PDB file of N, CA and C in Angstrom:
ATOM      1  N   MET A   1     -13.161  -7.161  -4.742  1.00  0.00           N
ATOM      2  CA  MET A   1     -12.701  -6.392  -5.878  1.00  0.00           C
ATOM      3  C   MET A   1     -11.275  -6.822  -6.210  1.00  0.00           C
ATOM      4  N   GLU A   2     -11.015  -7.051  -7.461  1.00  0.00           N
ATOM      5  CA  GLU A   2      -9.650  -7.362  -7.877  1.00  0.00           C
ATOM      6  C   GLU A   2      -8.858  -6.066  -8.040  1.00  0.00           C
ATOM      7  N   ILE A   3      -7.563  -6.195  -8.056  1.00  0.00           N
ATOM      8  CA  ILE A   3      -6.716  -5.011  -8.145  1.00  0.00           C
ATOM      9  C   ILE A   3      -6.988  -4.258  -9.444  1.00  0.00           C
ATOM     10  N   LYS A   4      -7.154  -4.986 -10.538  1.00  0.00           N
ATOM     11  CA  LYS A   4      -7.430  -4.339 -11.826  1.00  0.00           C
ATOM     12  C   LYS A   4      -8.690  -3.471 -11.729  1.00  0.00           C
ATOM     13  N   GLU A   5      -9.713  -3.993 -11.064  1.00  0.00           N
ATOM     14  CA  GLU A   5     -10.947  -3.236 -10.883  1.00  0.00           C
ATOM     15  C   GLU A   5     -10.693  -2.001 -10.013  1.00  0.00           C
ATOM     16  N   ALA A   6      -9.865  -2.163  -8.985  1.00  0.00           N
ATOM     17  CA  ALA A   6      -9.515  -1.028  -8.128  1.00  0.00           C
ATOM     18  C   ALA A   6      -8.810   0.049  -8.951  1.00  0.00           C
ATOM     19  N   GLN A   7      -7.902  -0.371  -9.820  1.00  0.00           N
ATOM     20  CA  GLN A   7      -7.211   0.599 -10.665  1.00  0.00           C
ATOM     21  C   GLN A   7      -8.202   1.347 -11.556  1.00  0.00           C
ATOM     22  N   LEU A   8      -9.175   0.631 -12.096  1.00  0.00           N
ATOM     23  CA  LEU A   8     -10.188   1.269 -12.951  1.00  0.00           C
ATOM     24  C   LEU A   8     -11.055   2.232 -12.149  1.00  0.00           C
ATOM     25  N   LYS A   9     -11.448   1.834 -10.938  1.00  0.00           N
ATOM     26  CA  LYS A   9     -12.271   2.711 -10.095  1.00  0.00           C
ATOM     27  C   LYS A   9     -11.508   3.966  -9.693  1.00  0.00           C
ATOM     28  N   VAL A  10     -10.241   3.812  -9.361  1.00  0.00           N
ATOM     29  CA  VAL A  10      -9.415   4.971  -9.016  1.00  0.00           C
ATOM     30  C   VAL A  10      -9.314   5.893 -10.227  1.00  0.00           C
ATOM     31  N   ASP A  11      -9.069   5.330 -11.393  1.00  0.00           N
ATOM     32  CA  ASP A  11      -8.967   6.149 -12.605  1.00  0.00           C
ATOM     33  C   ASP A  11     -10.277   6.893 -12.859  1.00  0.00           C
ATOM     34  N   HIS A  12     -11.392   6.208 -12.706  1.00  0.00           N
ATOM     35  CA  HIS A  12     -12.690   6.840 -12.907  1.00  0.00           C
ATOM     36  C   HIS A  12     -12.866   7.991 -11.909  1.00  0.00           C
ATOM     37  N   TRP A  13     -12.503   7.773 -10.649  1.00  0.00           N
ATOM     38  CA  TRP A  13     -12.620   8.817  -9.637  1.00  0.00           C
ATOM     39  C   TRP A  13     -11.765  10.022 -10.004  1.00  0.00           C
ATOM     40  N   ILE A  14     -10.535   9.753 -10.428  1.00  0.00           N
ATOM     41  CA  ILE A  14      -9.638  10.847 -10.808  1.00  0.00           C
ATOM     42  C   ILE A  14     -10.234  11.630 -11.979  1.00  0.00           C
ATOM     43  N   GLN A  15     -10.712  10.918 -12.993  1.00  0.00           N
ATOM     44  CA  GLN A  15     -11.233  11.570 -14.195  1.00  0.00           C
ATOM     45  C   GLN A  15     -12.523  12.353 -13.932  1.00  0.00           C
ATOM     46  N   THR A  16     -13.343  11.916 -12.976  1.00  0.00           N
ATOM     47  CA  THR A  16     -14.630  12.569 -12.752  1.00  0.00           C
ATOM     48  C   THR A  16     -14.630  13.551 -11.588  1.00  0.00           C
ATOM     49  N   LEU A  17     -13.898  13.247 -10.529  1.00  0.00           N
ATOM     50  CA  LEU A  17     -13.910  14.111  -9.344  1.00  0.00           C
ATOM     51  C   LEU A  17     -12.558  14.737  -9.033  1.00  0.00           C
ATOM     52  N   GLY A  18     -11.501  14.069  -9.400  1.00  0.00           N
ATOM     53  CA  GLY A  18     -10.173  14.555  -9.054  1.00  0.00           C
ATOM     54  C   GLY A  18      -9.590  15.511 -10.073  1.00  0.00           C
ATOM     55  N   VAL A  19     -10.277  15.747 -11.152  1.00  0.00           N
ATOM     56  CA  VAL A  19      -9.887  16.623 -12.261  1.00  0.00           C
ATOM     57  C   VAL A  19      -8.766  16.016 -13.095  1.00  0.00           C
ATOM     58  N   ARG A  20      -7.638  15.692 -12.469  1.00  0.00           N
ATOM     59  CA  ARG A  20      -6.514  15.064 -13.175  1.00  0.00           C
ATOM     60  C   ARG A  20      -5.593  14.431 -12.151  1.00  0.00           C
ATOM     61  N   TYR A  21      -4.702  13.568 -12.632  1.00  0.00           N
ATOM     62  CA  TYR A  21      -3.686  12.989 -11.753  1.00  0.00           C
ATOM     63  C   TYR A  21      -2.663  14.060 -11.389  1.00  0.00           C
ATOM     64  N   PHE A  22      -2.206  14.027 -10.134  1.00  0.00           N
ATOM     65  CA  PHE A  22      -1.001  14.785  -9.815  1.00  0.00           C
ATOM     66  C   PHE A  22       0.138  14.113 -10.569  1.00  0.00           C
ATOM     67  N   ASN A  23       1.235  14.822 -10.793  1.00  0.00           N
ATOM     68  CA  ASN A  23       2.331  14.160 -11.512  1.00  0.00           C
ATOM     69  C   ASN A  23       2.922  13.045 -10.657  1.00  0.00           C
ATOM     70  N   GLU A  24       3.705  12.193 -11.299  1.00  0.00           N
ATOM     71  CA  GLU A  24       4.223  10.990 -10.646  1.00  0.00           C
ATOM     72  C   GLU A  24       5.079  11.306  -9.422  1.00  0.00           C
ATOM     73  N   LEU A  25       5.859  12.357  -9.502  1.00  0.00           N
ATOM     74  CA  LEU A  25       6.711  12.707  -8.363  1.00  0.00           C
ATOM     75  C   LEU A  25       5.863  13.189  -7.185  1.00  0.00           C
ATOM     76  N   THR A  26       4.845  13.991  -7.458  1.00  0.00           N
ATOM     77  CA  THR A  26       3.946  14.436  -6.397  1.00  0.00           C
ATOM     78  C   THR A  26       3.233  13.241  -5.780  1.00  0.00           C
ATOM     79  N   ASN A  27       2.749  12.321  -6.619  1.00  0.00           N
ATOM     80  CA  ASN A  27       2.066  11.144  -6.079  1.00  0.00           C
ATOM     81  C   ASN A  27       3.009  10.260  -5.276  1.00  0.00           C
ATOM     82  N   THR A  28       4.271  10.203  -5.662  1.00  0.00           N
ATOM     83  CA  THR A  28       5.236   9.438  -4.868  1.00  0.00           C
ATOM     84  C   THR A  28       5.412  10.078  -3.492  1.00  0.00           C
ATOM     85  N   ALA A  29       5.478  11.394  -3.456  1.00  0.00           N
ATOM     86  CA  ALA A  29       5.583  12.095  -2.168  1.00  0.00           C
ATOM     87  C   ALA A  29       4.327  11.870  -1.325  1.00  0.00           C
ATOM     88  N   ILE A  30       3.161  11.908  -1.961  1.00  0.00           N
ATOM     89  CA  ILE A  30       1.910  11.653  -1.241  1.00  0.00           C
ATOM     90  C   ILE A  30       1.901  10.225  -0.700  1.00  0.00           C
ATOM     91  N   LEU A  31       2.392   9.272  -1.494  1.00  0.00           N
ATOM     92  CA  LEU A  31       2.468   7.879  -1.043  1.00  0.00           C
ATOM     93  C   LEU A  31       3.332   7.776   0.211  1.00  0.00           C
ATOM     94  N   MET A  32       4.470   8.454   0.215  1.00  0.00           N
ATOM     95  CA  MET A  32       5.349   8.420   1.386  1.00  0.00           C
ATOM     96  C   MET A  32       4.659   9.041   2.601  1.00  0.00           C
ATOM     97  N   GLU A  33       3.901  10.108   2.374  1.00  0.00           N
ATOM     98  CA  GLU A  33       3.162  10.739   3.463  1.00  0.00           C
ATOM     99  C   GLU A  33       2.123   9.774   4.041  1.00  0.00           C
ATOM    100  N   GLU A  34       1.415   9.083   3.168  1.00  0.00           N
ATOM    101  CA  GLU A  34       0.392   8.135   3.624  1.00  0.00           C
ATOM    102  C   GLU A  34       1.025   6.955   4.366  1.00  0.00           C
ATOM    103  N   VAL A  35       2.157   6.473   3.895  1.00  0.00           N
ATOM    104  CA  VAL A  35       2.858   5.389   4.588  1.00  0.00           C
ATOM    105  C   VAL A  35       3.309   5.868   5.968  1.00  0.00           C
ATOM    106  N   GLY A  36       3.739   7.120   6.052  1.00  0.00           N
ATOM    107  CA  GLY A  36       4.125   7.684   7.336  1.00  0.00           C
ATOM    108  C   GLY A  36       2.965   7.736   8.316  1.00  0.00           C
ATOM    109  N   GLU A  37       1.776   8.064   7.809  1.00  0.00           N
ATOM    110  CA  GLU A  37       0.592   8.093   8.674  1.00  0.00           C
ATOM    111  C   GLU A  37       0.274   6.697   9.201  1.00  0.00           C
ATOM    112  N   LEU A  38       0.393   5.694   8.338  1.00  0.00           N
ATOM    113  CA  LEU A  38       0.181   4.312   8.772  1.00  0.00           C
ATOM    114  C   LEU A  38       1.239   3.919   9.803  1.00  0.00           C
ATOM    115  N   ALA A  39       2.485   4.282   9.549  1.00  0.00           N
ATOM    116  CA  ALA A  39       3.573   3.937  10.467  1.00  0.00           C
ATOM    117  C   ALA A  39       3.348   4.560  11.841  1.00  0.00           C
ATOM    118  N   ARG A  40       2.842   5.772  11.865  1.00  0.00           N
ATOM    119  CA  ARG A  40       2.564   6.434  13.151  1.00  0.00           C
ATOM    120  C   ARG A  40       1.536   5.640  13.955  1.00  0.00           C
ATOM    121  N   ILE A  41       0.460   5.224  13.290  1.00  0.00           N
ATOM    122  CA  ILE A  41      -0.568   4.446  13.984  1.00  0.00           C
ATOM    123  C   ILE A  41       0.007   3.117  14.452  1.00  0.00           C
ATOM    124  N   MET A  42       0.744   2.432  13.604  1.00  0.00           N
ATOM    125  CA  MET A  42       1.308   1.131  13.953  1.00  0.00           C
ATOM    126  C   MET A  42       2.257   1.252  15.140  1.00  0.00           C
ATOM    127  N   ALA A  43       3.090   2.284  15.138  1.00  0.00           N
ATOM    128  CA  ALA A  43       4.061   2.471  16.224  1.00  0.00           C
ATOM    129  C   ALA A  43       3.370   2.709  17.555  1.00  0.00           C
ATOM    130  N   ARG A  44       2.242   3.387  17.511  1.00  0.00           N
ATOM    131  CA  ARG A  44       1.540   3.705  18.750  1.00  0.00           C
ATOM    132  C   ARG A  44       0.594   2.594  19.185  1.00  0.00           C
ATOM    133  N   ARG A  45      -0.050   1.969  18.219  1.00  0.00           N
ATOM    134  CA  ARG A  45      -1.033   0.948  18.572  1.00  0.00           C
ATOM    135  C   ARG A  45      -0.389  -0.406  18.865  1.00  0.00           C
ATOM    136  N   PHE A  46       0.663  -0.747  18.123  1.00  0.00           N
ATOM    137  CA  PHE A  46       1.269  -2.075  18.272  1.00  0.00           C
ATOM    138  C   PHE A  46       2.720  -2.015  18.745  1.00  0.00           C
ATOM    139  N   GLY A  47       3.307  -0.840  18.704  1.00  0.00           N
ATOM    140  CA  GLY A  47       4.691  -0.679  19.122  1.00  0.00           C
ATOM    141  C   GLY A  47       4.791  -0.187  20.546  1.00  0.00           C
ATOM    142  N   GLU A  48       5.901   0.400  20.865  1.00  0.00           N
ATOM    143  CA  GLU A  48       6.190   0.797  22.232  1.00  0.00           C
ATOM    144  C   GLU A  48       5.819   2.235  22.551  1.00  0.00           C
ATOM    145  N   GLN A  49       5.429   3.003  21.531  1.00  0.00           N
ATOM    146  CA  GLN A  49       5.016   4.375  21.807  1.00  0.00           C
ATOM    147  C   GLN A  49       3.602   4.386  22.375  1.00  0.00           C
ATOM    148  N   SER A  50       3.317   5.361  23.217  1.00  0.00           N
ATOM    149  CA  SER A  50       1.976   5.456  23.789  1.00  0.00           C
ATOM    150  C   SER A  50       1.026   6.067  22.761  1.00  0.00           C
ATOM    151  N   GLU A  51      -0.213   5.627  22.838  1.00  0.00           N
ATOM    152  CA  GLU A  51      -1.235   6.083  21.904  1.00  0.00           C
ATOM    153  C   GLU A  51      -2.075   7.160  22.576  1.00  0.00           C
ATOM    154  N   LYS A  52      -2.156   8.323  21.937  1.00  0.00           N
ATOM    155  CA  LYS A  52      -3.003   9.397  22.445  1.00  0.00           C
ATOM    156  C   LYS A  52      -4.460   9.035  22.190  1.00  0.00           C
ATOM    157  N   GLU A  53      -5.357   9.679  22.915  1.00  0.00           N
ATOM    158  CA  GLU A  53      -6.793   9.436  22.708  1.00  0.00           C
ATOM    159  C   GLU A  53      -7.180   9.715  21.259  1.00  0.00           C
ATOM    160  N   THR A  54      -6.634  10.778  20.677  1.00  0.00           N
ATOM    161  CA  THR A  54      -6.979  11.114  19.290  1.00  0.00           C
ATOM    162  C   THR A  54      -6.423  10.076  18.313  1.00  0.00           C
ATOM    163  N   ASP A  55      -5.301   9.429  18.674  1.00  0.00           N
ATOM    164  CA  ASP A  55      -4.740   8.379  17.814  1.00  0.00           C
ATOM    165  C   ASP A  55      -5.667   7.166  17.765  1.00  0.00           C
ATOM    166  N   LYS A  56      -6.365   6.906  18.868  1.00  0.00           N
ATOM    167  CA  LYS A  56      -7.222   5.730  18.955  1.00  0.00           C
ATOM    168  C   LYS A  56      -8.400   5.805  17.983  1.00  0.00           C
ATOM    169  N   GLU A  57      -8.727   7.003  17.534  1.00  0.00           N
ATOM    170  CA  GLU A  57      -9.824   7.198  16.593  1.00  0.00           C
ATOM    171  C   GLU A  57      -9.398   6.920  15.145  1.00  0.00           C
ATOM    172  N   GLN A  58      -8.106   6.827  14.914  1.00  0.00           N
ATOM    173  CA  GLN A  58      -7.600   6.618  13.557  1.00  0.00           C
ATOM    174  C   GLN A  58      -7.992   5.232  13.055  1.00  0.00           C
ATOM    175  N   ASP A  59      -8.493   5.167  11.841  1.00  0.00           N
ATOM    176  CA  ASP A  59      -8.947   3.924  11.217  1.00  0.00           C
ATOM    177  C   ASP A  59      -7.790   3.315  10.428  1.00  0.00           C
ATOM    178  N   LEU A  60      -7.256   2.229  10.932  1.00  0.00           N
ATOM    179  CA  LEU A  60      -6.117   1.568  10.309  1.00  0.00           C
ATOM    180  C   LEU A  60      -6.423   1.160   8.868  1.00  0.00           C
ATOM    181  N   GLY A  61      -7.611   0.604   8.643  1.00  0.00           N
ATOM    182  CA  GLY A  61      -8.002   0.197   7.296  1.00  0.00           C
ATOM    183  C   GLY A  61      -8.086   1.368   6.339  1.00  0.00           C
ATOM    184  N   ASP A  62      -8.588   2.501   6.820  1.00  0.00           N
ATOM    185  CA  ASP A  62      -8.682   3.694   5.982  1.00  0.00           C
ATOM    186  C   ASP A  62      -7.298   4.179   5.578  1.00  0.00           C
ATOM    187  N   GLU A  63      -6.360   4.119   6.506  1.00  0.00           N
ATOM    188  CA  GLU A  63      -4.985   4.532   6.182  1.00  0.00           C
ATOM    189  C   GLU A  63      -4.367   3.599   5.139  1.00  0.00           C
ATOM    190  N   MET A  64      -4.613   2.301   5.273  1.00  0.00           N
ATOM    191  CA  MET A  64      -4.111   1.355   4.275  1.00  0.00           C
ATOM    192  C   MET A  64      -4.765   1.603   2.918  1.00  0.00           C
ATOM    193  N   ALA A  65      -6.058   1.935   2.935  1.00  0.00           N
ATOM    194  CA  ALA A  65      -6.764   2.233   1.682  1.00  0.00           C
ATOM    195  C   ALA A  65      -6.207   3.494   1.024  1.00  0.00           C
ATOM    196  N   ASP A  66      -5.820   4.486   1.826  1.00  0.00           N
ATOM    197  CA  ASP A  66      -5.182   5.686   1.257  1.00  0.00           C
ATOM    198  C   ASP A  66      -3.919   5.304   0.497  1.00  0.00           C
ATOM    199  N   ILE A  67      -3.138   4.401   1.067  1.00  0.00           N
ATOM    200  CA  ILE A  67      -1.902   3.942   0.421  1.00  0.00           C
ATOM    201  C   ILE A  67      -2.232   3.224  -0.879  1.00  0.00           C
ATOM    202  N   LEU A  68      -3.217   2.332  -0.829  1.00  0.00           N
ATOM    203  CA  LEU A  68      -3.609   1.587  -2.026  1.00  0.00           C
ATOM    204  C   LEU A  68      -4.116   2.519  -3.116  1.00  0.00           C
ATOM    205  N   PHE A  69      -4.879   3.540  -2.741  1.00  0.00           N
ATOM    206  CA  PHE A  69      -5.391   4.509  -3.706  1.00  0.00           C
ATOM    207  C   PHE A  69      -4.248   5.187  -4.456  1.00  0.00           C
ATOM    208  N   VAL A  70      -3.274   5.699  -3.708  1.00  0.00           N
ATOM    209  CA  VAL A  70      -2.164   6.409  -4.349  1.00  0.00           C
ATOM    210  C   VAL A  70      -1.300   5.435  -5.160  1.00  0.00           C
ATOM    211  N   LEU A  71      -1.139   4.214  -4.664  1.00  0.00           N
ATOM    212  CA  LEU A  71      -0.393   3.207  -5.415  1.00  0.00           C
ATOM    213  C   LEU A  71      -1.095   2.903  -6.739  1.00  0.00           C
ATOM    214  N   CYS A  72      -2.419   2.824  -6.709  1.00  0.00           N
ATOM    215  CA  CYS A  72      -3.182   2.626  -7.948  1.00  0.00           C
ATOM    216  C   CYS A  72      -2.992   3.806  -8.893  1.00  0.00           C
ATOM    217  N   CYS A  73      -2.965   5.016  -8.354  1.00  0.00           N
ATOM    218  CA  CYS A  73      -2.705   6.193  -9.191  1.00  0.00           C
ATOM    219  C   CYS A  73      -1.365   6.061  -9.899  1.00  0.00           C
ATOM    220  N   LEU A  74      -0.332   5.730  -9.139  1.00  0.00           N
ATOM    221  CA  LEU A  74       1.002   5.596  -9.731  1.00  0.00           C
ATOM    222  C   LEU A  74       1.051   4.482 -10.770  1.00  0.00           C
ATOM    223  N   ALA A  75       0.390   3.371 -10.483  1.00  0.00           N
ATOM    224  CA  ALA A  75       0.350   2.274 -11.444  1.00  0.00           C
ATOM    225  C   ALA A  75      -0.362   2.712 -12.720  1.00  0.00           C
ATOM    226  N   ASN A  76      -1.485   3.382 -12.576  1.00  0.00           N
ATOM    227  CA  ASN A  76      -2.213   3.872 -13.749  1.00  0.00           C
ATOM    228  C   ASN A  76      -1.358   4.831 -14.571  1.00  0.00           C
ATOM    229  N   GLN A  77      -0.660   5.710 -13.897  1.00  0.00           N
ATOM    230  CA  GLN A  77       0.151   6.711 -14.588  1.00  0.00           C
ATOM    231  C   GLN A  77       1.346   6.108 -15.314  1.00  0.00           C
ATOM    232  N   THR A  78       1.848   5.000 -14.804  1.00  0.00           N
ATOM    233  CA  THR A  78       3.066   4.417 -15.381  1.00  0.00           C
ATOM    234  C   THR A  78       2.789   3.158 -16.193  1.00  0.00           C
ATOM    235  N   GLY A  79       1.506   2.836 -16.383  1.00  0.00           N
ATOM    236  CA  GLY A  79       1.153   1.699 -17.224  1.00  0.00           C
ATOM    237  C   GLY A  79       1.384   0.342 -16.586  1.00  0.00           C
ATOM    238  N   ILE A  80       1.335   0.275 -15.277  1.00  0.00           N
ATOM    239  CA  ILE A  80       1.564  -0.987 -14.567  1.00  0.00           C
ATOM    240  C   ILE A  80       0.233  -1.660 -14.271  1.00  0.00           C
ATOM    241  N   ASP A  81       0.126  -2.926 -14.631  1.00  0.00           N
ATOM    242  CA  ASP A  81      -1.023  -3.755 -14.256  1.00  0.00           C
ATOM    243  C   ASP A  81      -0.643  -4.407 -12.938  1.00  0.00           C
ATOM    244  N   LEU A  82      -1.216  -3.916 -11.839  1.00  0.00           N
ATOM    245  CA  LEU A  82      -0.825  -4.403 -10.517  1.00  0.00           C
ATOM    246  C   LEU A  82      -1.187  -5.868 -10.293  1.00  0.00           C
ATOM    247  N   ASP A  83      -2.272  -6.351 -10.918  1.00  0.00           N
ATOM    248  CA  ASP A  83      -2.591  -7.784 -10.823  1.00  0.00           C
ATOM    249  C   ASP A  83      -1.421  -8.605 -11.355  1.00  0.00           C
ATOM    250  N   LEU A  84      -0.976  -8.267 -12.554  1.00  0.00           N
ATOM    251  CA  LEU A  84       0.128  -8.989 -13.193  1.00  0.00           C
ATOM    252  C   LEU A  84       1.429  -8.804 -12.409  1.00  0.00           C
ATOM    253  N   ALA A  85       1.682  -7.584 -11.982  1.00  0.00           N
ATOM    254  CA  ALA A  85       2.921  -7.306 -11.238  1.00  0.00           C
ATOM    255  C   ALA A  85       2.979  -8.107  -9.941  1.00  0.00           C
ATOM    256  N   LEU A  86       1.845  -8.206  -9.246  1.00  0.00           N
ATOM    257  CA  LEU A  86       1.820  -8.966  -7.995  1.00  0.00           C
ATOM    258  C   LEU A  86       2.002 -10.456  -8.257  1.00  0.00           C
ATOM    259  N   GLU A  87       1.353 -10.968  -9.304  1.00  0.00           N
ATOM    260  CA  GLU A  87       1.535 -12.387  -9.660  1.00  0.00           C
ATOM    261  C   GLU A  87       3.007 -12.687  -9.937  1.00  0.00           C
ATOM    262  N   LYS A  88       3.655 -11.846 -10.744  1.00  0.00           N
ATOM    263  CA  LYS A  88       5.066 -12.040 -11.066  1.00  0.00           C
ATOM    264  C   LYS A  88       5.932 -11.941  -9.814  1.00  0.00           C
ATOM    265  N   ASN A  89       5.585 -11.013  -8.928  1.00  0.00           N
ATOM    266  CA  ASN A  89       6.351 -10.833  -7.705  1.00  0.00           C
ATOM    267  C   ASN A  89       6.229 -12.047  -6.793  1.00  0.00           C
ATOM    268  N   LEU A  90       5.012 -12.601  -6.691  1.00  0.00           N
ATOM    269  CA  LEU A  90       4.818 -13.797  -5.871  1.00  0.00           C
ATOM    270  C   LEU A  90       5.567 -14.997  -6.447  1.00  0.00           C
ATOM    271  N   GLU A  91       5.586 -15.118  -7.768  1.00  0.00           N
ATOM    272  CA  GLU A  91       6.363 -16.199  -8.401  1.00  0.00           C
ATOM    273  C   GLU A  91       7.836 -16.050  -8.075  1.00  0.00           C
ATOM    274  N   LYS A  92       8.344 -14.816  -8.163  1.00  0.00           N
ATOM    275  CA  LYS A  92       9.755 -14.551  -7.855  1.00  0.00           C
ATOM    276  C   LYS A  92      10.064 -14.930  -6.410  1.00  0.00           C
ATOM    277  N   LYS A  93       9.226 -14.493  -5.493  1.00  0.00           N
ATOM    278  CA  LYS A  93       9.446 -14.793  -4.075  1.00  0.00           C
ATOM    279  C   LYS A  93       9.365 -16.294  -3.802  1.00  0.00           C
ATOM    280  N   THR A  94       8.422 -16.962  -4.456  1.00  0.00           N
ATOM    281  CA  THR A  94       8.257 -18.396  -4.254  1.00  0.00           C
ATOM    282  C   THR A  94       9.500 -19.152  -4.713  1.00  0.00           C
ATOM    283  N   THR A  95      10.011 -18.768  -5.855  1.00  0.00           N
ATOM    284  CA  THR A  95      11.222 -19.420  -6.372  1.00  0.00           C
ATOM    285  C   THR A  95      12.439 -19.099  -5.505  1.00  0.00           C
ATOM    286  N   ARG A  96      12.615 -17.845  -5.205  1.00  0.00           N
ATOM    287  CA  ARG A  96      13.791 -17.394  -4.457  1.00  0.00           C
ATOM    288  C   ARG A  96      13.771 -17.855  -3.013  1.00  0.00           C
ATOM    289  N   ASP A  97      12.591 -17.843  -2.393  1.00  0.00           N
ATOM    290  CA  ASP A  97      12.508 -18.077  -0.957  1.00  0.00           C
ATOM    291  C   ASP A  97      11.839 -19.401  -0.590  1.00  0.00           C
ATOM    292  N   ALA A  98      11.852 -20.358  -1.515  1.00  0.00           N
ATOM    293  CA  ALA A  98      11.138 -21.617  -1.304  1.00  0.00           C
ATOM    294  C   ALA A  98      11.498 -22.285   0.023  1.00  0.00           C
ATOM    295  N   THR A  99      12.743 -22.240   0.424  1.00  0.00           N
ATOM    296  CA  THR A  99      13.147 -22.877   1.684  1.00  0.00           C
ATOM    297  C   THR A  99      13.779 -21.903   2.670  1.00  0.00           C
ATOM    298  N   ARG A 100      14.054 -20.716   2.226  1.00  0.00           N
ATOM    299  CA  ARG A 100      14.788 -19.755   3.042  1.00  0.00           C
ATOM    300  C   ARG A 100      14.128 -19.494   4.391  1.00  0.00           C
ATOM    301  N   HIS A 101      12.850 -19.199   4.406  1.00  0.00           N
ATOM    302  CA  HIS A 101      12.189 -18.844   5.665  1.00  0.00           C
ATOM    303  C   HIS A 101      11.969 -20.059   6.555  1.00  0.00           C
ATOM    304  N   MET A 102      11.683 -21.196   5.939  1.00  0.00           N
ATOM    305  CA  MET A 102      11.463 -22.412   6.733  1.00  0.00           C
ATOM    306  C   MET A 102      12.732 -22.869   7.431  1.00  0.00           C
ATOM    307  N   SER A 103      13.872 -22.547   6.864  1.00  0.00           N
ATOM    308  CA  SER A 103      15.129 -22.973   7.476  1.00  0.00           C
ATOM    309  C   SER A 103      15.745 -21.885   8.365  1.00  0.00           C
ATOM    310  N   ASN A 104      15.035 -20.785   8.563  1.00  0.00           N
ATOM    311  CA  ASN A 104      15.530 -19.702   9.389  1.00  0.00           C
ATOM    312  C   ASN A 104      15.175 -19.965  10.847  1.00  0.00           C
ATOM    313  N   PRO A 105      16.166 -20.250  11.706  1.00  0.00           N
ATOM    314  CA  PRO A 105      15.869 -20.559  13.105  1.00  0.00           C
ATOM    315  C   PRO A 105      15.208 -19.392  13.851  1.00  0.00           C
ATOM    316  N   LYS A 106      15.383 -18.177  13.375  1.00  0.00           N
ATOM    317  CA  LYS A 106      14.770 -17.023  14.014  1.00  0.00           C
ATOM    318  C   LYS A 106      13.256 -17.002  13.851  1.00  0.00           C
ATOM    319  N   LEU A 107      12.759 -17.743  12.878  1.00  0.00           N
ATOM    320  CA  LEU A 107      11.319 -17.758  12.606  1.00  0.00           C
ATOM    321  C   LEU A 107      10.607 -18.956  13.216  1.00  0.00           C
ATOM    322  N   LYS A 108      11.358 -19.841  13.829  1.00  0.00           N
ATOM    323  CA  LYS A 108      10.756 -21.039  14.449  1.00  0.00           C
ATOM    324  C   LYS A 108      10.019 -20.624  15.731  1.00  0.00           C
ATOM    325  N   PRO A 109       8.821 -21.213  15.958  1.00  0.00           N
ATOM    326  CA  PRO A 109       8.090 -20.870  17.187  1.00  0.00           C
ATOM    327  C   PRO A 109       8.756 -21.418  18.444  1.00  0.00           C
TER     328      PRO A 109
END
């Protein structure tokens, strides 16, 4: 699925099952909450914190999908085409960072 299609599917879900979009500020807060949930799993599963048995049941992909869902909501609400935005962002990074990471001794194996 392309991002544009994801945005359309999210919009359809909101219009048919979600009743309406939460306002942009509420969705931004929800996005931060979802990122926090992902961070908790990452810190316990891949970081130095211990993972509880109940944490082990958490689906990392589902948490990432929650973030993508809310991000699509915000993009839809603010008129952002995420396909285009990501393409432009990758072009910017490619131009700006063309040699930066390759010449960083901290990144050498």
